[in-house]
Amino acid sequence: MKLFLMRHAEAKTLNHQDDRLRELTQKGIKEAEEAAAFLQKYKIDKILVSNAVRTIQTGEIIYNKINSTKFEICPELYASTSEDIIELISRQQDQDKNILVIAHNPGIFEAALELVHGSPEYESIVKNGMPTARIIKLELDNISSWRNIN
């Protein structure tokens, strides 16, 4: 099983509107296209995105390029904690072996740290943080069910 944790691509600045309505910038569109190019070498079974426009746009760009079979908007990913994210992942169907989660900082960053705690990747993730469009790939060969993610 593989889990891909991604922060949405770059979004426009918040200008007195609902944060959920922020759209991608031109740079963000390019970032999402580059992320899709990276993800094409993997068979992504399912993409989970928050209900914010920027995550939906990021996910749709990827979805259209990689031919994933499932795309789900999950309101609980907006303003989520690492616990919320891991709980959502634990409820996924086991036939979906490779899942991409596109969400927001700080939750997506903290989920990545929690899932790699004690591994060699931990320091690298701490050092590099979670800038826009960063993808952290986790090889979860030690689990056979998403229920066992934590």
N, C-alpha and C. Protein backbone atom coordinates (compact mmCIF):
# COMPACT_ATOMS: atom_id res chain seq x y z
N MET A 1 0.84 -1.18 0.00
CA MET A 1 0.00 0.00 0.00
C MET A 1 0.89 1.24 0.00
N LYS A 2 0.43 2.24 -0.75
CA LYS A 2 1.16 3.50 -0.80
C LYS A 2 0.20 4.63 -0.47
N LEU A 3 0.70 5.56 0.33
CA LEU A 3 -0.07 6.74 0.70
C LEU A 3 0.72 7.96 0.26
N PHE A 4 0.04 8.84 -0.45
CA PHE A 4 0.64 10.08 -0.90
C PHE A 4 -0.07 11.22 -0.19
N LEU A 5 0.69 12.00 0.57
CA LEU A 5 0.14 13.15 1.29
C LEU A 5 0.63 14.40 0.58
N MET A 6 -0.30 15.27 0.22
CA MET A 6 0.05 16.45 -0.57
C MET A 6 -0.64 17.69 -0.02
N ARG A 7 0.11 18.76 0.01
CA ARG A 7 -0.49 20.06 0.27
C ARG A 7 -0.95 20.61 -1.08
N HIS A 8 -2.09 21.25 -1.12
CA HIS A 8 -2.60 21.84 -2.36
C HIS A 8 -1.57 22.74 -3.01
N ALA A 9 -1.72 22.98 -4.30
CA ALA A 9 -0.84 23.88 -5.04
C ALA A 9 -1.11 25.34 -4.61
N GLU A 10 -0.24 26.24 -5.07
CA GLU A 10 -0.31 27.65 -4.65
C GLU A 10 -1.66 28.27 -5.00
N ALA A 11 -2.22 28.97 -4.02
CA ALA A 11 -3.52 29.63 -4.18
C ALA A 11 -3.37 31.14 -4.12
N LYS A 12 -4.37 31.81 -4.67
CA LYS A 12 -4.40 33.26 -4.63
C LYS A 12 -4.49 33.74 -3.18
N THR A 13 -4.04 34.96 -2.96
CA THR A 13 -4.07 35.57 -1.64
C THR A 13 -5.50 35.76 -1.17
N LEU A 14 -5.69 35.61 0.11
CA LEU A 14 -7.01 35.82 0.71
C LEU A 14 -7.34 37.31 0.67
N ASN A 15 -8.42 37.67 -0.02
CA ASN A 15 -8.84 39.06 -0.15
C ASN A 15 -10.27 39.23 0.32
N HIS A 16 -10.48 39.20 1.62
CA HIS A 16 -11.79 39.43 2.21
C HIS A 16 -12.87 38.51 1.65
N GLN A 17 -12.50 37.30 1.32
CA GLN A 17 -13.49 36.33 0.86
C GLN A 17 -13.37 35.09 1.76
N ASP A 18 -14.28 34.20 1.60
CA ASP A 18 -14.22 32.92 2.31
C ASP A 18 -12.95 32.19 1.87
N ASP A 19 -12.15 31.76 2.81
CA ASP A 19 -10.90 31.07 2.51
C ASP A 19 -11.12 29.85 1.61
N ARG A 20 -12.25 29.20 1.75
CA ARG A 20 -12.53 28.00 0.95
C ARG A 20 -12.67 28.32 -0.54
N LEU A 21 -12.90 29.58 -0.88
CA LEU A 21 -13.14 29.97 -2.27
C LEU A 21 -11.87 30.36 -3.03
N ARG A 22 -10.74 30.36 -2.34
CA ARG A 22 -9.48 30.75 -3.00
C ARG A 22 -9.13 29.77 -4.12
N GLU A 23 -8.80 30.31 -5.27
CA GLU A 23 -8.45 29.50 -6.44
C GLU A 23 -6.94 29.42 -6.60
N LEU A 24 -6.50 28.51 -7.47
CA LEU A 24 -5.08 28.39 -7.76
C LEU A 24 -4.58 29.57 -8.57
N THR A 25 -3.34 29.93 -8.34
CA THR A 25 -2.65 30.91 -9.18
C THR A 25 -2.14 30.18 -10.43
N GLN A 26 -1.59 30.93 -11.38
CA GLN A 26 -0.97 30.30 -12.55
C GLN A 26 0.18 29.40 -12.11
N LYS A 27 0.95 29.86 -11.12
CA LYS A 27 2.03 29.03 -10.58
C LYS A 27 1.44 27.76 -9.97
N GLY A 28 0.33 27.88 -9.27
CA GLY A 28 -0.32 26.73 -8.66
C GLY A 28 -0.78 25.71 -9.69
N ILE A 29 -1.31 26.19 -10.80
CA ILE A 29 -1.73 25.28 -11.88
C ILE A 29 -0.51 24.51 -12.40
N LYS A 30 0.60 25.23 -12.59
CA LYS A 30 1.83 24.58 -13.05
C LYS A 30 2.32 23.56 -12.01
N GLU A 31 2.26 23.93 -10.72
CA GLU A 31 2.66 22.99 -9.66
C GLU A 31 1.82 21.72 -9.70
N ALA A 32 0.52 21.87 -9.87
CA ALA A 32 -0.38 20.71 -9.92
C ALA A 32 -0.07 19.84 -11.14
N GLU A 33 0.24 20.47 -12.26
CA GLU A 33 0.61 19.70 -13.46
C GLU A 33 1.91 18.94 -13.24
N GLU A 34 2.87 19.55 -12.57
CA GLU A 34 4.13 18.87 -12.25
C GLU A 34 3.89 17.72 -11.28
N ALA A 35 3.01 17.92 -10.32
CA ALA A 35 2.67 16.84 -9.38
C ALA A 35 2.03 15.68 -10.14
N ALA A 36 1.16 15.99 -11.09
CA ALA A 36 0.51 14.95 -11.90
C ALA A 36 1.56 14.16 -12.69
N ALA A 37 2.54 14.86 -13.24
CA ALA A 37 3.60 14.19 -13.99
C ALA A 37 4.36 13.22 -13.09
N PHE A 38 4.64 13.63 -11.87
CA PHE A 38 5.32 12.76 -10.90
C PHE A 38 4.45 11.55 -10.56
N LEU A 39 3.16 11.78 -10.35
CA LEU A 39 2.25 10.71 -9.91
C LEU A 39 1.86 9.73 -11.01
N GLN A 40 2.11 10.09 -12.27
CA GLN A 40 1.75 9.21 -13.38
C GLN A 40 2.43 7.85 -13.31
N LYS A 41 3.57 7.77 -12.66
CA LYS A 41 4.27 6.48 -12.59
C LYS A 41 3.68 5.54 -11.54
N TYR A 42 2.71 6.03 -10.79
CA TYR A 42 2.03 5.21 -9.78
C TYR A 42 0.58 5.03 -10.19
N LYS A 43 0.00 3.94 -9.80
CA LYS A 43 -1.43 3.74 -10.06
C LYS A 43 -2.18 4.26 -8.82
N ILE A 44 -2.67 5.47 -8.89
CA ILE A 44 -3.42 6.05 -7.78
C ILE A 44 -4.86 5.55 -7.90
N ASP A 45 -5.30 4.81 -6.90
CA ASP A 45 -6.65 4.25 -6.93
C ASP A 45 -7.71 5.26 -6.51
N LYS A 46 -7.33 6.18 -5.63
CA LYS A 46 -8.33 7.11 -5.10
C LYS A 46 -7.64 8.42 -4.71
N ILE A 47 -8.34 9.52 -4.99
CA ILE A 47 -7.88 10.85 -4.59
C ILE A 47 -8.91 11.42 -3.63
N LEU A 48 -8.44 11.86 -2.46
CA LEU A 48 -9.29 12.50 -1.46
C LEU A 48 -8.85 13.95 -1.34
N VAL A 49 -9.80 14.88 -1.46
CA VAL A 49 -9.48 16.31 -1.37
C VAL A 49 -10.45 16.99 -0.40
N SER A 50 -10.01 18.11 0.16
CA SER A 50 -10.92 18.89 1.01
C SER A 50 -11.93 19.60 0.11
N ASN A 51 -12.88 20.27 0.73
CA ASN A 51 -13.91 20.97 -0.05
C ASN A 51 -13.52 22.41 -0.38
N ALA A 52 -12.26 22.77 -0.21
CA ALA A 52 -11.78 24.10 -0.62
C ALA A 52 -11.50 24.08 -2.12
N VAL A 53 -11.80 25.17 -2.79
CA VAL A 53 -11.64 25.25 -4.24
C VAL A 53 -10.21 24.89 -4.65
N ARG A 54 -9.21 25.38 -3.93
CA ARG A 54 -7.82 25.14 -4.32
C ARG A 54 -7.43 23.67 -4.26
N THR A 55 -7.97 22.92 -3.31
CA THR A 55 -7.66 21.48 -3.27
C THR A 55 -8.42 20.73 -4.35
N ILE A 56 -9.65 21.15 -4.60
CA ILE A 56 -10.43 20.52 -5.67
C ILE A 56 -9.74 20.76 -7.02
N GLN A 57 -9.30 22.00 -7.26
CA GLN A 57 -8.61 22.30 -8.52
C GLN A 57 -7.32 21.50 -8.64
N THR A 58 -6.54 21.44 -7.56
CA THR A 58 -5.30 20.65 -7.57
C THR A 58 -5.62 19.20 -7.90
N GLY A 59 -6.60 18.65 -7.20
CA GLY A 59 -6.97 17.25 -7.41
C GLY A 59 -7.50 16.97 -8.80
N GLU A 60 -8.29 17.88 -9.34
CA GLU A 60 -8.86 17.67 -10.68
C GLU A 60 -7.78 17.68 -11.75
N ILE A 61 -6.80 18.55 -11.62
CA ILE A 61 -5.69 18.57 -12.58
C ILE A 61 -4.97 17.23 -12.54
N ILE A 62 -4.70 16.74 -11.35
CA ILE A 62 -4.02 15.44 -11.21
C ILE A 62 -4.91 14.32 -11.73
N TYR A 63 -6.15 14.31 -11.30
CA TYR A 63 -7.11 13.27 -11.70
C TYR A 63 -7.22 13.15 -13.22
N ASN A 64 -7.28 14.27 -13.91
CA ASN A 64 -7.42 14.26 -15.36
C ASN A 64 -6.16 13.79 -16.09
N LYS A 65 -5.02 13.88 -15.44
CA LYS A 65 -3.77 13.46 -16.08
C LYS A 65 -3.38 12.02 -15.76
N ILE A 66 -3.79 11.52 -14.60
CA ILE A 66 -3.34 10.19 -14.20
C ILE A 66 -4.40 9.11 -14.35
N ASN A 67 -5.60 9.49 -14.72
CA ASN A 67 -6.67 8.53 -14.93
C ASN A 67 -6.99 7.69 -13.69
N SER A 68 -6.99 8.33 -12.56
CA SER A 68 -7.42 7.65 -11.33
C SER A 68 -8.91 7.34 -11.47
N THR A 69 -9.35 6.31 -10.80
CA THR A 69 -10.74 5.90 -10.95
C THR A 69 -11.68 6.55 -9.96
N LYS A 70 -11.15 7.06 -8.85
CA LYS A 70 -12.03 7.61 -7.81
C LYS A 70 -11.53 8.97 -7.35
N PHE A 71 -12.47 9.89 -7.17
CA PHE A 71 -12.17 11.25 -6.71
C PHE A 71 -13.26 11.60 -5.70
N GLU A 72 -12.85 11.92 -4.48
CA GLU A 72 -13.83 12.19 -3.43
C GLU A 72 -13.52 13.50 -2.71
N ILE A 73 -14.54 14.34 -2.60
CA ILE A 73 -14.42 15.59 -1.85
C ILE A 73 -14.83 15.28 -0.40
N CYS A 74 -13.92 15.56 0.52
CA CYS A 74 -14.12 15.24 1.94
C CYS A 74 -14.07 16.53 2.76
N PRO A 75 -15.23 17.08 3.13
CA PRO A 75 -15.25 18.32 3.91
C PRO A 75 -14.41 18.25 5.18
N GLU A 76 -14.28 17.07 5.75
CA GLU A 76 -13.51 16.94 7.00
C GLU A 76 -12.02 17.17 6.80
N LEU A 77 -11.53 17.25 5.56
CA LEU A 77 -10.12 17.56 5.32
C LEU A 77 -9.81 19.05 5.41
N TYR A 78 -10.83 19.90 5.38
CA TYR A 78 -10.60 21.33 5.51
C TYR A 78 -10.40 21.64 7.00
N ALA A 79 -9.34 22.36 7.32
CA ALA A 79 -9.00 22.71 8.71
C ALA A 79 -8.87 21.46 9.58
N SER A 80 -8.35 20.40 8.98
CA SER A 80 -8.24 19.13 9.69
C SER A 80 -6.97 19.04 10.52
N THR A 81 -7.05 18.23 11.54
CA THR A 81 -5.87 17.90 12.34
C THR A 81 -5.25 16.63 11.75
N SER A 82 -4.06 16.30 12.21
CA SER A 82 -3.44 15.06 11.76
C SER A 82 -4.31 13.87 12.13
N GLU A 83 -4.95 13.94 13.29
CA GLU A 83 -5.84 12.85 13.73
C GLU A 83 -7.02 12.70 12.78
N ASP A 84 -7.60 13.82 12.34
CA ASP A 84 -8.72 13.77 11.39
C ASP A 84 -8.29 13.09 10.09
N ILE A 85 -7.12 13.46 9.60
CA ILE A 85 -6.62 12.92 8.34
C ILE A 85 -6.37 11.42 8.45
N ILE A 86 -5.69 11.03 9.51
CA ILE A 86 -5.39 9.61 9.69
C ILE A 86 -6.67 8.80 9.90
N GLU A 87 -7.63 9.36 10.61
CA GLU A 87 -8.91 8.69 10.80
C GLU A 87 -9.61 8.49 9.45
N LEU A 88 -9.62 9.50 8.61
CA LEU A 88 -10.23 9.38 7.28
C LEU A 88 -9.54 8.29 6.47
N ILE A 89 -8.23 8.27 6.50
CA ILE A 89 -7.48 7.24 5.76
C ILE A 89 -7.83 5.85 6.30
N SER A 90 -7.97 5.73 7.60
CA SER A 90 -8.25 4.41 8.20
C SER A 90 -9.62 3.86 7.80
N ARG A 91 -10.49 4.72 7.27
CA ARG A 91 -11.83 4.29 6.86
C ARG A 91 -11.92 3.93 5.37
N GLN A 92 -10.79 3.98 4.67
CA GLN A 92 -10.80 3.70 3.24
C GLN A 92 -10.87 2.20 2.96
N GLN A 93 -11.37 1.87 1.79
CA GLN A 93 -11.50 0.48 1.36
C GLN A 93 -10.12 -0.08 1.02
N ASP A 94 -9.87 -1.31 1.43
CA ASP A 94 -8.56 -1.92 1.23
C ASP A 94 -8.23 -2.21 -0.23
N GLN A 95 -9.24 -2.30 -1.09
CA GLN A 95 -8.94 -2.53 -2.51
C GLN A 95 -8.30 -1.29 -3.14
N ASP A 96 -8.44 -0.13 -2.51
CA ASP A 96 -7.75 1.08 -2.95
C ASP A 96 -6.36 1.08 -2.33
N LYS A 97 -5.43 0.49 -3.03
CA LYS A 97 -4.07 0.26 -2.49
C LYS A 97 -3.21 1.53 -2.45
N ASN A 98 -3.46 2.45 -3.37
CA ASN A 98 -2.65 3.67 -3.46
C ASN A 98 -3.57 4.88 -3.41
N ILE A 99 -3.43 5.64 -2.33
CA ILE A 99 -4.34 6.77 -2.08
C ILE A 99 -3.55 8.07 -2.00
N LEU A 100 -4.11 9.10 -2.65
CA LEU A 100 -3.56 10.45 -2.59
C LEU A 100 -4.52 11.31 -1.77
N VAL A 101 -3.99 11.96 -0.74
CA VAL A 101 -4.77 12.89 0.08
C VAL A 101 -4.22 14.29 -0.16
N ILE A 102 -5.11 15.20 -0.58
CA ILE A 102 -4.70 16.59 -0.82
C ILE A 102 -5.44 17.45 0.20
N ALA A 103 -4.65 18.11 1.07
CA ALA A 103 -5.26 18.89 2.15
C ALA A 103 -4.41 20.13 2.42
N HIS A 104 -4.46 20.60 3.64
CA HIS A 104 -3.91 21.90 4.03
C HIS A 104 -2.93 21.77 5.19
N ASN A 105 -2.05 22.75 5.28
CA ASN A 105 -1.21 22.88 6.47
C ASN A 105 -2.05 23.51 7.58
N PRO A 106 -1.79 23.25 8.82
CA PRO A 106 -0.72 22.38 9.30
C PRO A 106 -1.09 20.90 9.37
N GLY A 107 -2.35 20.56 9.17
CA GLY A 107 -2.80 19.18 9.36
C GLY A 107 -2.08 18.16 8.50
N ILE A 108 -1.91 18.44 7.21
CA ILE A 108 -1.30 17.46 6.31
C ILE A 108 0.17 17.26 6.67
N PHE A 109 0.84 18.34 7.05
CA PHE A 109 2.24 18.26 7.47
C PHE A 109 2.36 17.44 8.75
N GLU A 110 1.50 17.72 9.72
CA GLU A 110 1.54 16.99 10.99
C GLU A 110 1.18 15.52 10.82
N ALA A 111 0.27 15.22 9.89
CA ALA A 111 -0.06 13.81 9.62
C ALA A 111 1.16 13.09 9.05
N ALA A 112 1.87 13.75 8.14
CA ALA A 112 3.07 13.14 7.57
C ALA A 112 4.09 12.87 8.67
N LEU A 113 4.31 13.85 9.55
CA LEU A 113 5.26 13.65 10.64
C LEU A 113 4.85 12.51 11.55
N GLU A 114 3.57 12.45 11.86
CA GLU A 114 3.08 11.39 12.74
C GLU A 114 3.27 10.01 12.11
N LEU A 115 3.03 9.91 10.82
CA LEU A 115 3.11 8.61 10.15
C LEU A 115 4.54 8.14 9.90
N VAL A 116 5.51 9.06 9.88
CA VAL A 116 6.90 8.66 9.67
C VAL A 116 7.74 8.77 10.94
N HIS A 117 7.12 9.11 12.05
CA HIS A 117 7.87 9.28 13.31
C HIS A 117 8.74 8.06 13.58
N GLY A 118 10.00 8.32 13.87
CA GLY A 118 10.94 7.24 14.16
C GLY A 118 11.59 6.63 12.94
N SER A 119 11.26 7.11 11.75
CA SER A 119 11.86 6.57 10.53
C SER A 119 12.93 7.53 10.02
N PRO A 120 13.77 7.07 9.09
CA PRO A 120 14.82 7.95 8.54
C PRO A 120 14.27 9.18 7.82
N GLU A 121 13.04 9.10 7.28
CA GLU A 121 12.46 10.22 6.54
C GLU A 121 12.04 11.38 7.44
N TYR A 122 11.89 11.13 8.71
CA TYR A 122 11.35 12.13 9.64
C TYR A 122 12.14 13.44 9.58
N GLU A 123 13.45 13.37 9.73
CA GLU A 123 14.28 14.59 9.75
C GLU A 123 14.19 15.37 8.44
N SER A 124 14.14 14.66 7.33
CA SER A 124 14.03 15.32 6.03
C SER A 124 12.70 16.06 5.90
N ILE A 125 11.64 15.46 6.38
CA ILE A 125 10.33 16.10 6.31
C ILE A 125 10.30 17.33 7.21
N VAL A 126 10.87 17.22 8.41
CA VAL A 126 10.93 18.36 9.32
C VAL A 126 11.72 19.49 8.66
N LYS A 127 12.86 19.15 8.09
CA LYS A 127 13.75 20.15 7.49
C LYS A 127 13.09 20.86 6.30
N ASN A 128 12.42 20.09 5.44
CA ASN A 128 11.86 20.65 4.20
C ASN A 128 10.46 21.20 4.35
N GLY A 129 9.77 20.85 5.42
CA GLY A 129 8.42 21.37 5.64
C GLY A 129 7.45 20.86 4.59
N MET A 130 6.34 21.58 4.45
CA MET A 130 5.30 21.17 3.51
C MET A 130 4.87 22.38 2.69
N PRO A 131 5.74 22.83 1.76
CA PRO A 131 5.34 23.95 0.89
C PRO A 131 4.23 23.51 -0.06
N THR A 132 3.67 24.45 -0.78
CA THR A 132 2.59 24.11 -1.71
C THR A 132 3.04 23.04 -2.70
N ALA A 133 2.13 22.12 -2.97
CA ALA A 133 2.28 21.04 -3.95
C ALA A 133 3.32 19.99 -3.57
N ARG A 134 3.85 20.03 -2.36
CA ARG A 134 4.79 18.98 -1.96
C ARG A 134 4.02 17.68 -1.75
N ILE A 135 4.62 16.61 -2.22
CA ILE A 135 4.05 15.28 -2.05
C ILE A 135 5.01 14.45 -1.21
N ILE A 136 4.48 13.83 -0.20
CA ILE A 136 5.25 12.89 0.60
C ILE A 136 4.68 11.50 0.33
N LYS A 137 5.54 10.62 -0.18
CA LYS A 137 5.12 9.25 -0.52
C LYS A 137 5.52 8.32 0.62
N LEU A 138 4.55 7.60 1.12
CA LEU A 138 4.81 6.64 2.19
C LEU A 138 4.55 5.23 1.67
N GLU A 139 5.56 4.39 1.73
CA GLU A 139 5.43 2.98 1.37
C GLU A 139 5.01 2.26 2.64
N LEU A 140 3.82 1.69 2.62
CA LEU A 140 3.27 1.05 3.81
C LEU A 140 3.21 -0.46 3.62
N ASP A 141 4.37 -1.05 3.40
CA ASP A 141 4.45 -2.48 3.15
C ASP A 141 4.11 -3.31 4.38
N ASN A 142 4.16 -2.67 5.54
CA ASN A 142 3.92 -3.39 6.79
C ASN A 142 2.44 -3.48 7.17
N ILE A 143 1.55 -2.90 6.37
CA ILE A 143 0.12 -3.01 6.67
C ILE A 143 -0.62 -3.58 5.46
N SER A 144 -1.70 -4.28 5.73
CA SER A 144 -2.51 -4.84 4.65
C SER A 144 -3.92 -4.27 4.65
N SER A 145 -4.19 -3.40 5.63
CA SER A 145 -5.50 -2.76 5.72
C SER A 145 -5.31 -1.32 6.18
N TRP A 146 -6.10 -0.42 5.58
CA TRP A 146 -6.03 0.98 5.99
C TRP A 146 -6.43 1.14 7.45
N ARG A 147 -7.21 0.22 7.98
CA ARG A 147 -7.59 0.29 9.41
C ARG A 147 -6.38 0.29 10.32
N ASN A 148 -5.27 -0.25 9.83
CA ASN A 148 -4.06 -0.37 10.64
C ASN A 148 -3.08 0.77 10.42
N ILE A 149 -3.52 1.85 9.81
CA ILE A 149 -2.62 2.95 9.46
C ILE A 149 -1.91 3.56 10.67
N ASN A 150 -2.59 3.62 11.81
CA ASN A 150 -1.93 4.22 12.97
C ASN A 150 -1.37 3.16 13.86
